[in-house]
Amino acid sequence: MPKGFLDATSVYPMRFLDGRVNPGLVHLNRVIDNPNIEIGAYTYASSFEPPEDWALRLAPYTFAGAPERLVIGRFGQIADRVRIITASSNHPMAGISTYPFAIFDHDRLAGYFAQMTDLPDTVIGHDVWLGDGVTVLPGARIGCGVIVGAGSVVRGALPDYCIAAGNPARVIRMRFAPDQIARLMAVGWWDWPVEAIARATPALARGDVEALAAMAPG
């Protein structure tokens, strides 16, 4: 296996051909430490203007102790300017005004948060590619193997292995036939040992589902 290939411990997993580290591409679980954000191994984000705080750039409303979680699977690919707006971005809406008076008077915060219950988690599956400028709205559920086109706004649920685009994002087509998708989900290559994944990269780059399945370890 090539040196440094699929190194889950690396903050900056990509190098340019001249050997320089690309500071604009990071493994997110190496740079985000937030109990409300769960990110699988090898999921990366890229930015042409790398931030000091990747959590703030990607999911600015997901504060530690929030009543909901953001869960992102393994081997995700998150392009520049993606923004994930989680449910804590909302203001309580049951009253006459939605103005957040409590954020200016911390003595009122307990009552404010008491109005924000049962907020939905936002869940993004394994091997998902979010294109440049995608916005993910609160409570979205994005399946595994999904590709979301640049500039799209995702709400609700997107099924495994679809290509979606638009505002709101709608399924343009499925990447594989239903039986192939079921097979891919059963194979779950993203959970294989890293050595097996390294051997399977030629198969992963092709559309031959059975060839990949034949390489499953054990």
N, C-alpha and C. Protein backbone atom coordinates (compact mmCIF):
# COMPACT_ATOMS: atom_id res chain seq x y z
N MET A 1 0.86 -1.19 0.00
CA MET A 1 0.00 0.00 0.00
C MET A 1 0.89 1.24 0.00
N PRO A 2 0.63 2.22 -0.87
CA PRO A 2 1.47 3.40 -0.94
C PRO A 2 1.56 4.11 0.40
N LYS A 3 2.73 4.68 0.70
CA LYS A 3 2.93 5.39 1.95
C LYS A 3 1.93 6.54 2.06
N GLY A 4 1.25 6.61 3.20
CA GLY A 4 0.30 7.69 3.41
C GLY A 4 -1.06 7.46 2.80
N PHE A 5 -1.24 6.37 2.04
CA PHE A 5 -2.51 6.12 1.39
C PHE A 5 -3.56 5.74 2.43
N LEU A 6 -4.69 6.43 2.41
CA LEU A 6 -5.77 6.18 3.36
C LEU A 6 -5.27 6.21 4.81
N ASP A 7 -4.61 7.29 5.14
CA ASP A 7 -4.12 7.48 6.51
C ASP A 7 -5.19 8.23 7.29
N ALA A 8 -5.96 7.50 8.11
CA ALA A 8 -7.08 8.09 8.83
C ALA A 8 -6.62 9.08 9.90
N THR A 9 -5.35 9.01 10.29
CA THR A 9 -4.86 9.89 11.35
C THR A 9 -4.38 11.24 10.82
N SER A 10 -4.29 11.38 9.51
CA SER A 10 -3.74 12.60 8.92
C SER A 10 -4.77 13.73 8.92
N VAL A 11 -4.35 14.91 9.34
CA VAL A 11 -5.21 16.08 9.23
C VAL A 11 -5.33 16.49 7.77
N TYR A 12 -4.20 16.54 7.09
CA TYR A 12 -4.14 16.95 5.68
C TYR A 12 -3.78 15.74 4.83
N PRO A 13 -4.76 15.01 4.31
CA PRO A 13 -4.47 13.73 3.65
C PRO A 13 -3.98 13.85 2.22
N MET A 14 -4.02 15.05 1.64
CA MET A 14 -3.65 15.19 0.23
C MET A 14 -2.38 16.03 0.09
N ARG A 15 -1.50 15.58 -0.80
CA ARG A 15 -0.30 16.35 -1.14
C ARG A 15 -0.30 16.66 -2.63
N PHE A 16 0.25 17.82 -2.96
CA PHE A 16 0.43 18.16 -4.36
C PHE A 16 1.58 17.33 -4.94
N LEU A 17 1.73 17.35 -6.25
CA LEU A 17 2.77 16.53 -6.89
C LEU A 17 4.17 16.91 -6.45
N ASP A 18 4.35 18.17 -6.04
CA ASP A 18 5.68 18.59 -5.58
C ASP A 18 5.93 18.25 -4.12
N GLY A 19 4.98 17.54 -3.49
CA GLY A 19 5.17 17.10 -2.12
C GLY A 19 4.57 18.01 -1.07
N ARG A 20 4.12 19.20 -1.45
CA ARG A 20 3.53 20.12 -0.49
C ARG A 20 2.17 19.62 -0.02
N VAL A 21 1.90 19.81 1.26
CA VAL A 21 0.59 19.47 1.81
C VAL A 21 -0.44 20.47 1.30
N ASN A 22 -1.63 19.97 0.98
CA ASN A 22 -2.74 20.85 0.60
C ASN A 22 -3.47 21.27 1.87
N PRO A 23 -3.28 22.51 2.34
CA PRO A 23 -3.91 22.94 3.59
C PRO A 23 -5.40 23.18 3.46
N GLY A 24 -5.91 23.15 2.23
CA GLY A 24 -7.33 23.40 2.00
C GLY A 24 -8.17 22.15 1.97
N LEU A 25 -7.60 21.00 2.31
CA LEU A 25 -8.36 19.75 2.32
C LEU A 25 -8.02 19.01 3.61
N VAL A 26 -9.04 18.77 4.44
CA VAL A 26 -8.81 18.17 5.76
C VAL A 26 -9.74 16.99 6.00
N HIS A 27 -9.25 16.03 6.78
CA HIS A 27 -10.12 15.02 7.36
C HIS A 27 -10.90 15.68 8.49
N LEU A 28 -12.21 15.76 8.34
CA LEU A 28 -13.00 16.56 9.27
C LEU A 28 -12.96 16.04 10.71
N ASN A 29 -12.89 14.73 10.88
CA ASN A 29 -12.90 14.25 12.26
C ASN A 29 -11.57 14.48 12.97
N ARG A 30 -10.57 14.99 12.24
CA ARG A 30 -9.31 15.36 12.86
C ARG A 30 -9.26 16.83 13.27
N VAL A 31 -10.22 17.61 12.77
CA VAL A 31 -10.18 19.06 13.05
C VAL A 31 -11.44 19.55 13.75
N ILE A 32 -12.43 18.67 13.95
CA ILE A 32 -13.67 19.06 14.63
C ILE A 32 -13.81 18.22 15.90
N ASP A 33 -13.94 18.91 17.03
CA ASP A 33 -14.15 18.25 18.31
C ASP A 33 -15.40 18.88 18.94
N ASN A 34 -16.54 18.27 18.65
CA ASN A 34 -17.82 18.80 19.10
C ASN A 34 -18.70 17.60 19.44
N PRO A 35 -19.20 17.50 20.67
CA PRO A 35 -19.97 16.31 21.06
C PRO A 35 -21.26 16.14 20.29
N ASN A 36 -21.71 17.17 19.60
CA ASN A 36 -22.95 17.08 18.82
C ASN A 36 -22.69 16.77 17.35
N ILE A 37 -21.43 16.64 16.97
CA ILE A 37 -21.08 16.35 15.58
C ILE A 37 -20.30 15.05 15.53
N GLU A 38 -20.82 14.09 14.77
CA GLU A 38 -20.16 12.79 14.59
C GLU A 38 -19.78 12.64 13.13
N ILE A 39 -18.50 12.43 12.86
CA ILE A 39 -18.00 12.36 11.49
C ILE A 39 -17.17 11.09 11.33
N GLY A 40 -17.47 10.31 10.31
CA GLY A 40 -16.75 9.07 10.07
C GLY A 40 -15.36 9.31 9.50
N ALA A 41 -14.54 8.26 9.59
CA ALA A 41 -13.17 8.33 9.09
C ALA A 41 -13.15 8.59 7.59
N TYR A 42 -12.12 9.31 7.18
CA TYR A 42 -11.80 9.60 5.78
C TYR A 42 -12.73 10.62 5.13
N THR A 43 -13.73 11.09 5.82
CA THR A 43 -14.57 12.15 5.25
C THR A 43 -13.78 13.45 5.26
N TYR A 44 -13.72 14.08 4.10
CA TYR A 44 -12.94 15.32 4.00
C TYR A 44 -13.82 16.48 3.56
N ALA A 45 -13.34 17.68 3.88
CA ALA A 45 -13.90 18.92 3.34
C ALA A 45 -12.78 19.69 2.69
N SER A 46 -13.11 20.45 1.66
CA SER A 46 -12.10 21.26 0.99
C SER A 46 -12.57 22.70 0.91
N SER A 47 -11.62 23.60 0.91
CA SER A 47 -11.95 25.03 0.82
C SER A 47 -10.77 25.76 0.19
N PHE A 48 -11.09 26.72 -0.69
CA PHE A 48 -10.05 27.54 -1.27
C PHE A 48 -9.58 28.63 -0.30
N GLU A 49 -10.36 28.84 0.74
CA GLU A 49 -9.98 29.75 1.82
C GLU A 49 -10.14 29.00 3.13
N PRO A 50 -9.16 28.17 3.49
CA PRO A 50 -9.31 27.30 4.66
C PRO A 50 -9.57 28.11 5.93
N PRO A 51 -10.60 27.72 6.69
CA PRO A 51 -10.93 28.45 7.92
C PRO A 51 -10.08 27.99 9.09
N GLU A 52 -10.04 28.78 10.14
CA GLU A 52 -9.42 28.34 11.38
C GLU A 52 -10.33 27.36 12.11
N ASP A 53 -11.63 27.54 11.95
CA ASP A 53 -12.61 26.71 12.65
C ASP A 53 -13.49 26.02 11.61
N TRP A 54 -13.21 24.76 11.33
CA TRP A 54 -13.95 24.05 10.30
C TRP A 54 -15.38 23.76 10.72
N ALA A 55 -15.61 23.55 12.00
CA ALA A 55 -16.98 23.30 12.47
C ALA A 55 -17.83 24.54 12.26
N LEU A 56 -17.26 25.70 12.55
CA LEU A 56 -18.01 26.95 12.37
C LEU A 56 -18.29 27.20 10.90
N ARG A 57 -17.36 26.86 10.03
CA ARG A 57 -17.58 27.04 8.59
C ARG A 57 -18.65 26.10 8.08
N LEU A 58 -18.59 24.85 8.50
CA LEU A 58 -19.47 23.83 7.92
C LEU A 58 -20.85 23.82 8.56
N ALA A 59 -20.90 23.87 9.87
CA ALA A 59 -22.17 23.72 10.59
C ALA A 59 -22.22 24.73 11.73
N PRO A 60 -22.42 26.00 11.41
CA PRO A 60 -22.24 27.06 12.40
C PRO A 60 -23.26 27.06 13.55
N TYR A 61 -24.39 26.38 13.38
CA TYR A 61 -25.41 26.40 14.42
C TYR A 61 -25.37 25.19 15.34
N THR A 62 -24.45 24.26 15.07
CA THR A 62 -24.39 23.03 15.85
C THR A 62 -23.44 23.22 17.02
N PHE A 63 -23.94 23.81 18.09
CA PHE A 63 -23.10 24.09 19.24
C PHE A 63 -23.09 22.89 20.18
N ALA A 64 -22.03 22.79 20.95
CA ALA A 64 -21.94 21.72 21.94
C ALA A 64 -23.08 21.85 22.94
N GLY A 65 -23.80 20.74 23.13
CA GLY A 65 -24.96 20.75 24.03
C GLY A 65 -26.27 21.08 23.34
N ALA A 66 -26.24 21.25 22.03
CA ALA A 66 -27.47 21.50 21.28
C ALA A 66 -28.40 20.30 21.41
N PRO A 67 -29.70 20.50 21.19
CA PRO A 67 -30.65 19.39 21.37
C PRO A 67 -30.71 18.44 20.17
N GLU A 68 -29.83 18.61 19.20
CA GLU A 68 -29.81 17.69 18.06
C GLU A 68 -28.37 17.42 17.66
N ARG A 69 -28.20 16.43 16.76
CA ARG A 69 -26.86 16.04 16.32
C ARG A 69 -26.75 16.19 14.81
N LEU A 70 -25.51 16.32 14.37
CA LEU A 70 -25.14 16.21 12.96
C LEU A 70 -24.28 14.97 12.84
N VAL A 71 -24.71 14.03 11.98
CA VAL A 71 -23.99 12.77 11.79
C VAL A 71 -23.61 12.67 10.31
N ILE A 72 -22.32 12.48 10.05
CA ILE A 72 -21.81 12.33 8.69
C ILE A 72 -21.03 11.02 8.64
N GLY A 73 -21.29 10.21 7.63
CA GLY A 73 -20.66 8.90 7.52
C GLY A 73 -19.22 8.95 7.07
N ARG A 74 -18.70 7.79 6.71
CA ARG A 74 -17.31 7.63 6.28
C ARG A 74 -17.16 7.95 4.79
N PHE A 75 -15.96 8.36 4.41
CA PHE A 75 -15.58 8.60 3.02
C PHE A 75 -16.46 9.67 2.35
N GLY A 76 -16.93 10.64 3.12
CA GLY A 76 -17.68 11.75 2.53
C GLY A 76 -16.75 12.72 1.83
N GLN A 77 -17.30 13.44 0.87
CA GLN A 77 -16.54 14.41 0.08
C GLN A 77 -17.34 15.71 0.07
N ILE A 78 -16.83 16.71 0.77
CA ILE A 78 -17.57 17.95 0.97
C ILE A 78 -16.81 19.09 0.31
N ALA A 79 -17.41 19.66 -0.71
CA ALA A 79 -16.74 20.68 -1.50
C ALA A 79 -16.78 22.05 -0.81
N ASP A 80 -16.15 23.00 -1.45
CA ASP A 80 -16.07 24.37 -0.92
C ASP A 80 -17.48 24.97 -0.80
N ARG A 81 -17.65 25.79 0.23
CA ARG A 81 -18.85 26.61 0.45
C ARG A 81 -20.09 25.78 0.82
N VAL A 82 -19.91 24.53 1.19
CA VAL A 82 -21.05 23.75 1.70
C VAL A 82 -21.41 24.27 3.09
N ARG A 83 -22.70 24.39 3.34
CA ARG A 83 -23.18 24.85 4.65
C ARG A 83 -24.28 23.89 5.12
N ILE A 84 -24.13 23.38 6.32
CA ILE A 84 -25.12 22.48 6.92
C ILE A 84 -25.82 23.25 8.03
N ILE A 85 -27.09 23.53 7.81
CA ILE A 85 -27.88 24.32 8.75
C ILE A 85 -28.70 23.36 9.60
N THR A 86 -28.28 23.16 10.83
CA THR A 86 -28.96 22.20 11.70
C THR A 86 -30.11 22.88 12.45
N ALA A 87 -30.87 22.08 13.17
CA ALA A 87 -32.16 22.54 13.69
C ALA A 87 -32.04 23.64 14.74
N SER A 88 -30.90 23.74 15.42
CA SER A 88 -30.76 24.80 16.42
C SER A 88 -30.66 26.19 15.81
N SER A 89 -30.61 26.26 14.50
CA SER A 89 -30.65 27.57 13.83
C SER A 89 -32.05 28.18 13.92
N ASN A 90 -33.05 27.34 14.20
CA ASN A 90 -34.43 27.83 14.23
C ASN A 90 -34.70 28.66 15.50
N HIS A 91 -35.67 29.56 15.40
CA HIS A 91 -36.19 30.28 16.55
C HIS A 91 -37.51 29.62 16.96
N PRO A 92 -37.85 29.65 18.24
CA PRO A 92 -39.18 29.17 18.63
C PRO A 92 -40.27 29.93 17.87
N MET A 93 -41.25 29.20 17.38
CA MET A 93 -42.25 29.81 16.50
C MET A 93 -43.67 29.73 17.05
N ALA A 94 -43.84 29.27 18.29
CA ALA A 94 -45.18 29.09 18.82
C ALA A 94 -45.80 30.40 19.31
N GLY A 95 -44.97 31.38 19.59
CA GLY A 95 -45.48 32.62 20.13
C GLY A 95 -45.84 33.64 19.06
N ILE A 96 -46.09 34.85 19.50
CA ILE A 96 -46.45 35.92 18.58
C ILE A 96 -45.24 36.38 17.79
N SER A 97 -44.11 36.52 18.47
CA SER A 97 -42.88 36.98 17.82
C SER A 97 -41.84 35.87 17.81
N THR A 98 -41.05 35.83 16.77
CA THR A 98 -39.93 34.90 16.70
C THR A 98 -38.62 35.56 17.11
N TYR A 99 -38.65 36.80 17.57
CA TYR A 99 -37.43 37.51 17.93
C TYR A 99 -36.76 36.80 19.11
N PRO A 100 -35.46 36.51 19.03
CA PRO A 100 -34.79 35.72 20.08
C PRO A 100 -34.31 36.59 21.24
N PHE A 101 -35.24 37.14 21.99
CA PHE A 101 -34.89 38.03 23.10
C PHE A 101 -33.86 37.39 24.05
N ALA A 102 -33.97 36.09 24.26
CA ALA A 102 -33.16 35.42 25.28
C ALA A 102 -31.67 35.45 24.98
N ILE A 103 -31.29 35.52 23.72
CA ILE A 103 -29.85 35.50 23.43
C ILE A 103 -29.18 36.79 23.87
N PHE A 104 -29.98 37.81 24.19
CA PHE A 104 -29.43 39.07 24.68
C PHE A 104 -29.56 39.19 26.20
N ASP A 105 -30.18 38.22 26.83
CA ASP A 105 -30.36 38.22 28.28
C ASP A 105 -30.31 36.76 28.74
N HIS A 106 -29.14 36.33 29.18
CA HIS A 106 -28.93 34.91 29.44
C HIS A 106 -29.79 34.37 30.56
N ASP A 107 -30.37 35.22 31.39
CA ASP A 107 -31.30 34.74 32.41
C ASP A 107 -32.55 34.13 31.79
N ARG A 108 -32.81 34.47 30.55
CA ARG A 108 -34.01 33.95 29.87
C ARG A 108 -33.72 32.70 29.03
N LEU A 109 -32.46 32.26 28.99
CA LEU A 109 -32.10 31.18 28.07
C LEU A 109 -32.80 29.87 28.39
N ALA A 110 -32.97 29.55 29.65
CA ALA A 110 -33.59 28.27 30.00
C ALA A 110 -34.99 28.16 29.40
N GLY A 111 -35.76 29.22 29.51
CA GLY A 111 -37.10 29.21 28.92
C GLY A 111 -37.06 29.15 27.42
N TYR A 112 -36.07 29.80 26.85
CA TYR A 112 -35.91 29.80 25.38
C TYR A 112 -35.65 28.39 24.87
N PHE A 113 -34.69 27.70 25.51
CA PHE A 113 -34.35 26.36 25.06
C PHE A 113 -35.46 25.36 25.37
N ALA A 114 -36.25 25.65 26.39
CA ALA A 114 -37.37 24.75 26.71
C ALA A 114 -38.39 24.71 25.58
N GLN A 115 -38.43 25.77 24.76
CA GLN A 115 -39.34 25.81 23.62
C GLN A 115 -38.80 25.04 22.42
N MET A 116 -37.51 24.66 22.48
CA MET A 116 -36.87 24.01 21.34
C MET A 116 -36.63 22.55 21.68
N THR A 117 -37.67 21.75 21.58
CA THR A 117 -37.58 20.33 21.92
C THR A 117 -37.85 19.48 20.69
N ASP A 118 -37.42 18.25 20.76
CA ASP A 118 -37.65 17.27 19.68
C ASP A 118 -37.10 17.77 18.35
N LEU A 119 -35.95 18.43 18.39
CA LEU A 119 -35.35 18.89 17.14
C LEU A 119 -34.73 17.70 16.41
N PRO A 120 -34.89 17.62 15.08
CA PRO A 120 -34.42 16.45 14.35
C PRO A 120 -32.91 16.48 14.13
N ASP A 121 -32.31 15.31 14.18
CA ASP A 121 -30.91 15.19 13.78
C ASP A 121 -30.80 15.36 12.26
N THR A 122 -29.64 15.78 11.82
CA THR A 122 -29.32 15.83 10.40
C THR A 122 -28.32 14.72 10.12
N VAL A 123 -28.63 13.83 9.17
CA VAL A 123 -27.83 12.63 8.95
C VAL A 123 -27.42 12.53 7.48
N ILE A 124 -26.12 12.39 7.27
CA ILE A 124 -25.56 12.24 5.93
C ILE A 124 -24.83 10.91 5.89
N GLY A 125 -25.15 10.07 4.91
CA GLY A 125 -24.64 8.71 4.86
C GLY A 125 -23.18 8.61 4.45
N HIS A 126 -22.75 7.38 4.20
CA HIS A 126 -21.39 7.11 3.77
C HIS A 126 -21.21 7.43 2.28
N ASP A 127 -19.99 7.82 1.92
CA ASP A 127 -19.62 8.00 0.50
C ASP A 127 -20.55 8.98 -0.20
N VAL A 128 -20.85 10.08 0.46
CA VAL A 128 -21.72 11.12 -0.10
C VAL A 128 -20.84 12.26 -0.61
N TRP A 129 -21.15 12.74 -1.80
CA TRP A 129 -20.45 13.88 -2.40
C TRP A 129 -21.41 15.07 -2.42
N LEU A 130 -21.07 16.10 -1.64
CA LEU A 130 -21.82 17.36 -1.64
C LEU A 130 -21.05 18.36 -2.49
N GLY A 131 -21.64 18.79 -3.60
CA GLY A 131 -20.96 19.68 -4.52
C GLY A 131 -20.83 21.10 -3.98
N ASP A 132 -20.10 21.91 -4.69
CA ASP A 132 -19.80 23.28 -4.29
C ASP A 132 -21.07 24.06 -3.97
N GLY A 133 -21.07 24.69 -2.79
CA GLY A 133 -22.17 25.58 -2.45
C GLY A 133 -23.46 24.90 -2.06
N VAL A 134 -23.44 23.61 -1.77
CA VAL A 134 -24.66 22.91 -1.34
C VAL A 134 -25.07 23.41 0.05
N THR A 135 -26.37 23.56 0.25
CA THR A 135 -26.92 23.87 1.56
C THR A 135 -27.78 22.69 2.01
N VAL A 136 -27.52 22.20 3.21
CA VAL A 136 -28.30 21.11 3.79
C VAL A 136 -29.14 21.70 4.91
N LEU A 137 -30.45 21.52 4.84
CA LEU A 137 -31.38 22.12 5.80
C LEU A 137 -31.62 21.21 7.00
N PRO A 138 -32.17 21.76 8.09
CA PRO A 138 -32.36 20.98 9.32
C PRO A 138 -33.16 19.70 9.10
N GLY A 139 -32.66 18.61 9.69
CA GLY A 139 -33.38 17.34 9.65
C GLY A 139 -33.24 16.57 8.35
N ALA A 140 -32.41 17.04 7.43
CA ALA A 140 -32.24 16.31 6.18
C ALA A 140 -31.64 14.94 6.44
N ARG A 141 -32.03 13.99 5.59
CA ARG A 141 -31.50 12.63 5.66
C ARG A 141 -31.00 12.28 4.26
N ILE A 142 -29.69 12.19 4.12
CA ILE A 142 -29.07 11.92 2.83
C ILE A 142 -28.50 10.51 2.87
N GLY A 143 -28.95 9.66 1.97
CA GLY A 143 -28.53 8.27 1.97
C GLY A 143 -27.09 8.08 1.55
N CYS A 144 -26.63 6.84 1.57
CA CYS A 144 -25.27 6.51 1.18
C CYS A 144 -25.11 6.61 -0.34
N GLY A 145 -23.89 6.98 -0.76
CA GLY A 145 -23.58 7.01 -2.19
C GLY A 145 -24.28 8.09 -2.96
N VAL A 146 -24.82 9.09 -2.29
CA VAL A 146 -25.58 10.16 -2.96
C VAL A 146 -24.62 11.22 -3.50
N ILE A 147 -24.95 11.76 -4.66
CA ILE A 147 -24.25 12.91 -5.24
C ILE A 147 -25.24 14.07 -5.28
N VAL A 148 -24.87 15.19 -4.67
CA VAL A 148 -25.72 16.38 -4.67
C VAL A 148 -25.04 17.46 -5.49
N GLY A 149 -25.73 17.95 -6.52
CA GLY A 149 -25.17 18.92 -7.45
C GLY A 149 -24.88 20.26 -6.80
N ALA A 150 -23.92 20.98 -7.37
CA ALA A 150 -23.49 22.26 -6.84
C ALA A 150 -24.67 23.23 -6.71
N GLY A 151 -24.67 23.97 -5.62
CA GLY A 151 -25.68 24.99 -5.40
C GLY A 151 -27.04 24.48 -4.97
N SER A 152 -27.18 23.18 -4.77
CA SER A 152 -28.48 22.61 -4.41
C SER A 152 -28.82 22.88 -2.94
N VAL A 153 -30.11 22.81 -2.65
CA VAL A 153 -30.60 22.96 -1.28
C VAL A 153 -31.34 21.68 -0.92
N VAL A 154 -30.82 20.98 0.08
CA VAL A 154 -31.35 19.66 0.43
C VAL A 154 -32.25 19.77 1.66
N ARG A 155 -33.47 19.28 1.53
CA ARG A 155 -34.36 19.13 2.67
C ARG A 155 -35.03 17.77 2.56
N GLY A 156 -35.53 17.26 3.65
CA GLY A 156 -36.17 15.95 3.61
C GLY A 156 -35.16 14.84 3.39
N ALA A 157 -35.58 13.80 2.68
CA ALA A 157 -34.76 12.60 2.52
C ALA A 157 -34.38 12.39 1.06
N LEU A 158 -33.15 11.95 0.85
CA LEU A 158 -32.67 11.54 -0.47
C LEU A 158 -32.26 10.07 -0.37
N PRO A 159 -32.72 9.22 -1.30
CA PRO A 159 -32.45 7.78 -1.17
C PRO A 159 -31.01 7.43 -1.52
N ASP A 160 -30.58 6.27 -1.05
CA ASP A 160 -29.23 5.78 -1.34
C ASP A 160 -28.95 5.79 -2.84
N TYR A 161 -27.75 6.20 -3.20
CA TYR A 161 -27.23 6.11 -4.56
C TYR A 161 -28.08 6.85 -5.59
N CYS A 162 -28.56 8.02 -5.18
CA CYS A 162 -29.22 8.87 -6.17
C CYS A 162 -28.32 10.05 -6.53
N ILE A 163 -28.63 10.70 -7.65
CA ILE A 163 -28.05 11.99 -8.01
C ILE A 163 -29.17 13.01 -7.89
N ALA A 164 -28.94 14.04 -7.09
CA ALA A 164 -29.98 15.03 -6.84
C ALA A 164 -29.43 16.43 -7.07
N ALA A 165 -30.31 17.33 -7.48
CA ALA A 165 -29.91 18.72 -7.71
C ALA A 165 -31.13 19.61 -7.66
N GLY A 166 -30.89 20.90 -7.45
CA GLY A 166 -31.96 21.89 -7.50
C GLY A 166 -32.30 22.45 -6.14
N ASN A 167 -33.30 23.33 -6.13
CA ASN A 167 -33.79 23.96 -4.90
C ASN A 167 -35.31 23.92 -4.90
N PRO A 168 -35.89 22.98 -4.12
CA PRO A 168 -35.21 21.97 -3.32
C PRO A 168 -34.62 20.86 -4.18
N ALA A 169 -33.60 20.19 -3.66
CA ALA A 169 -32.95 19.12 -4.42
C ALA A 169 -33.93 18.00 -4.69
N ARG A 170 -33.99 17.60 -5.94
CA ARG A 170 -34.85 16.48 -6.35
C ARG A 170 -34.00 15.43 -7.04
N VAL A 171 -34.45 14.20 -6.98
CA VAL A 171 -33.72 13.10 -7.60
C VAL A 171 -33.77 13.25 -9.12
N ILE A 172 -32.59 13.32 -9.71
CA ILE A 172 -32.50 13.38 -11.18
C ILE A 172 -32.49 11.98 -11.75
N ARG A 173 -31.70 11.13 -11.16
CA ARG A 173 -31.69 9.72 -11.57
C ARG A 173 -31.01 8.91 -10.47
N MET A 174 -31.19 7.60 -10.55
CA MET A 174 -30.51 6.69 -9.65
C MET A 174 -29.20 6.23 -10.29
N ARG A 175 -28.19 6.05 -9.49
CA ARG A 175 -26.88 5.68 -10.02
C ARG A 175 -26.82 4.20 -10.41
N PHE A 176 -27.62 3.38 -9.76
CA PHE A 176 -27.62 1.94 -10.03
C PHE A 176 -29.05 1.42 -9.96
N ALA A 177 -29.24 0.21 -10.47
CA ALA A 177 -30.55 -0.44 -10.40
C ALA A 177 -30.84 -0.82 -8.94
N PRO A 178 -32.14 -0.99 -8.60
CA PRO A 178 -32.49 -1.30 -7.20
C PRO A 178 -31.76 -2.50 -6.62
N ASP A 179 -31.61 -3.59 -7.40
CA ASP A 179 -30.94 -4.76 -6.87
C ASP A 179 -29.46 -4.50 -6.63
N GLN A 180 -28.86 -3.65 -7.48
CA GLN A 180 -27.46 -3.30 -7.29
C GLN A 180 -27.27 -2.43 -6.05
N ILE A 181 -28.21 -1.52 -5.83
CA ILE A 181 -28.13 -0.67 -4.64
C ILE A 181 -28.24 -1.52 -3.37
N ALA A 182 -29.17 -2.46 -3.38
CA ALA A 182 -29.30 -3.37 -2.23
C ALA A 182 -28.00 -4.14 -2.01
N ARG A 183 -27.38 -4.55 -3.10
CA ARG A 183 -26.12 -5.29 -3.01
C ARG A 183 -25.01 -4.41 -2.43
N LEU A 184 -24.93 -3.18 -2.89
CA LEU A 184 -23.91 -2.25 -2.40
C LEU A 184 -24.10 -1.96 -0.91
N MET A 185 -25.35 -1.79 -0.51
CA MET A 185 -25.60 -1.52 0.90
C MET A 185 -25.25 -2.73 1.76
N ALA A 186 -25.48 -3.92 1.23
CA ALA A 186 -25.13 -5.14 1.97
C ALA A 186 -23.62 -5.30 2.05
N VAL A 187 -22.92 -4.94 0.97
CA VAL A 187 -21.46 -5.06 0.94
C VAL A 187 -20.82 -4.08 1.91
N GLY A 188 -21.32 -2.84 1.95
CA GLY A 188 -20.83 -1.83 2.89
C GLY A 188 -19.32 -1.66 2.85
N TRP A 189 -18.78 -1.39 1.68
CA TRP A 189 -17.32 -1.35 1.52
C TRP A 189 -16.64 -0.35 2.45
N TRP A 190 -17.36 0.69 2.86
CA TRP A 190 -16.77 1.74 3.69
C TRP A 190 -16.38 1.24 5.08
N ASP A 191 -16.89 0.06 5.46
CA ASP A 191 -16.55 -0.52 6.76
C ASP A 191 -15.46 -1.59 6.65
N TRP A 192 -14.96 -1.83 5.45
CA TRP A 192 -13.91 -2.84 5.30
C TRP A 192 -12.61 -2.38 5.95
N PRO A 193 -11.72 -3.31 6.28
CA PRO A 193 -10.37 -2.92 6.70
C PRO A 193 -9.69 -2.10 5.60
N VAL A 194 -8.84 -1.20 6.01
CA VAL A 194 -8.24 -0.28 5.05
C VAL A 194 -7.45 -1.01 3.97
N GLU A 195 -6.82 -2.13 4.32
CA GLU A 195 -6.06 -2.88 3.32
C GLU A 195 -6.98 -3.43 2.23
N ALA A 196 -8.17 -3.88 2.63
CA ALA A 196 -9.13 -4.40 1.65
C ALA A 196 -9.65 -3.28 0.76
N ILE A 197 -9.88 -2.12 1.34
CA ILE A 197 -10.34 -0.98 0.54
C ILE A 197 -9.27 -0.58 -0.46
N ALA A 198 -8.02 -0.57 -0.02
CA ALA A 198 -6.93 -0.20 -0.92
C ALA A 198 -6.87 -1.15 -2.11
N ARG A 199 -7.05 -2.45 -1.86
CA ARG A 199 -7.04 -3.42 -2.96
C ARG A 199 -8.24 -3.24 -3.87
N ALA A 200 -9.34 -2.75 -3.32
CA ALA A 200 -10.58 -2.65 -4.09
C ALA A 200 -10.74 -1.34 -4.84
N THR A 201 -9.79 -0.42 -4.73
CA THR A 201 -9.99 0.89 -5.37
C THR A 201 -10.21 0.81 -6.89
N PRO A 202 -9.56 -0.12 -7.63
CA PRO A 202 -9.89 -0.22 -9.06
C PRO A 202 -11.36 -0.60 -9.28
N ALA A 203 -11.87 -1.52 -8.46
CA ALA A 203 -13.26 -1.92 -8.59
C ALA A 203 -14.20 -0.78 -8.18
N LEU A 204 -13.82 -0.01 -7.16
CA LEU A 204 -14.64 1.12 -6.72
C LEU A 204 -14.73 2.20 -7.80
N ALA A 205 -13.72 2.27 -8.64
CA ALA A 205 -13.71 3.29 -9.70
C ALA A 205 -14.54 2.87 -10.90
N ARG A 206 -14.99 1.62 -10.92
CA ARG A 206 -15.82 1.13 -12.02
C ARG A 206 -17.26 0.94 -11.54
N GLY A 207 -18.13 0.62 -12.45
CA GLY A 207 -19.54 0.41 -12.11
C GLY A 207 -19.91 -1.04 -11.94
N ASP A 208 -18.93 -1.92 -11.76
CA ASP A 208 -19.18 -3.35 -11.67
C ASP A 208 -19.40 -3.72 -10.20
N VAL A 209 -20.67 -3.79 -9.79
CA VAL A 209 -21.01 -4.04 -8.40
C VAL A 209 -20.56 -5.43 -7.97
N GLU A 210 -20.74 -6.42 -8.82
CA GLU A 210 -20.38 -7.78 -8.44
C GLU A 210 -18.88 -7.95 -8.32
N ALA A 211 -18.11 -7.23 -9.13
CA ALA A 211 -16.65 -7.29 -9.00
C ALA A 211 -16.22 -6.77 -7.63
N LEU A 212 -16.86 -5.71 -7.19
CA LEU A 212 -16.56 -5.17 -5.87
C LEU A 212 -16.98 -6.17 -4.78
N ALA A 213 -18.19 -6.71 -4.91
CA ALA A 213 -18.68 -7.65 -3.91
C ALA A 213 -17.77 -8.87 -3.79
N ALA A 214 -17.18 -9.28 -4.91
CA ALA A 214 -16.29 -10.45 -4.89
C ALA A 214 -15.03 -10.19 -4.11
N MET A 215 -14.71 -8.93 -3.88
CA MET A 215 -13.48 -8.58 -3.16
C MET A 215 -13.73 -8.36 -1.68
N ALA A 216 -14.96 -8.55 -1.23
CA ALA A 216 -15.28 -8.32 0.18
C ALA A 216 -14.45 -9.26 1.07
N PRO A 217 -13.86 -8.73 2.13
CA PRO A 217 -13.04 -9.58 2.99
C PRO A 217 -13.87 -10.58 3.78
N GLY A 218 -13.25 -11.71 4.04
CA GLY A 218 -13.84 -12.74 4.90
C GLY A 218 -15.09 -13.35 4.38
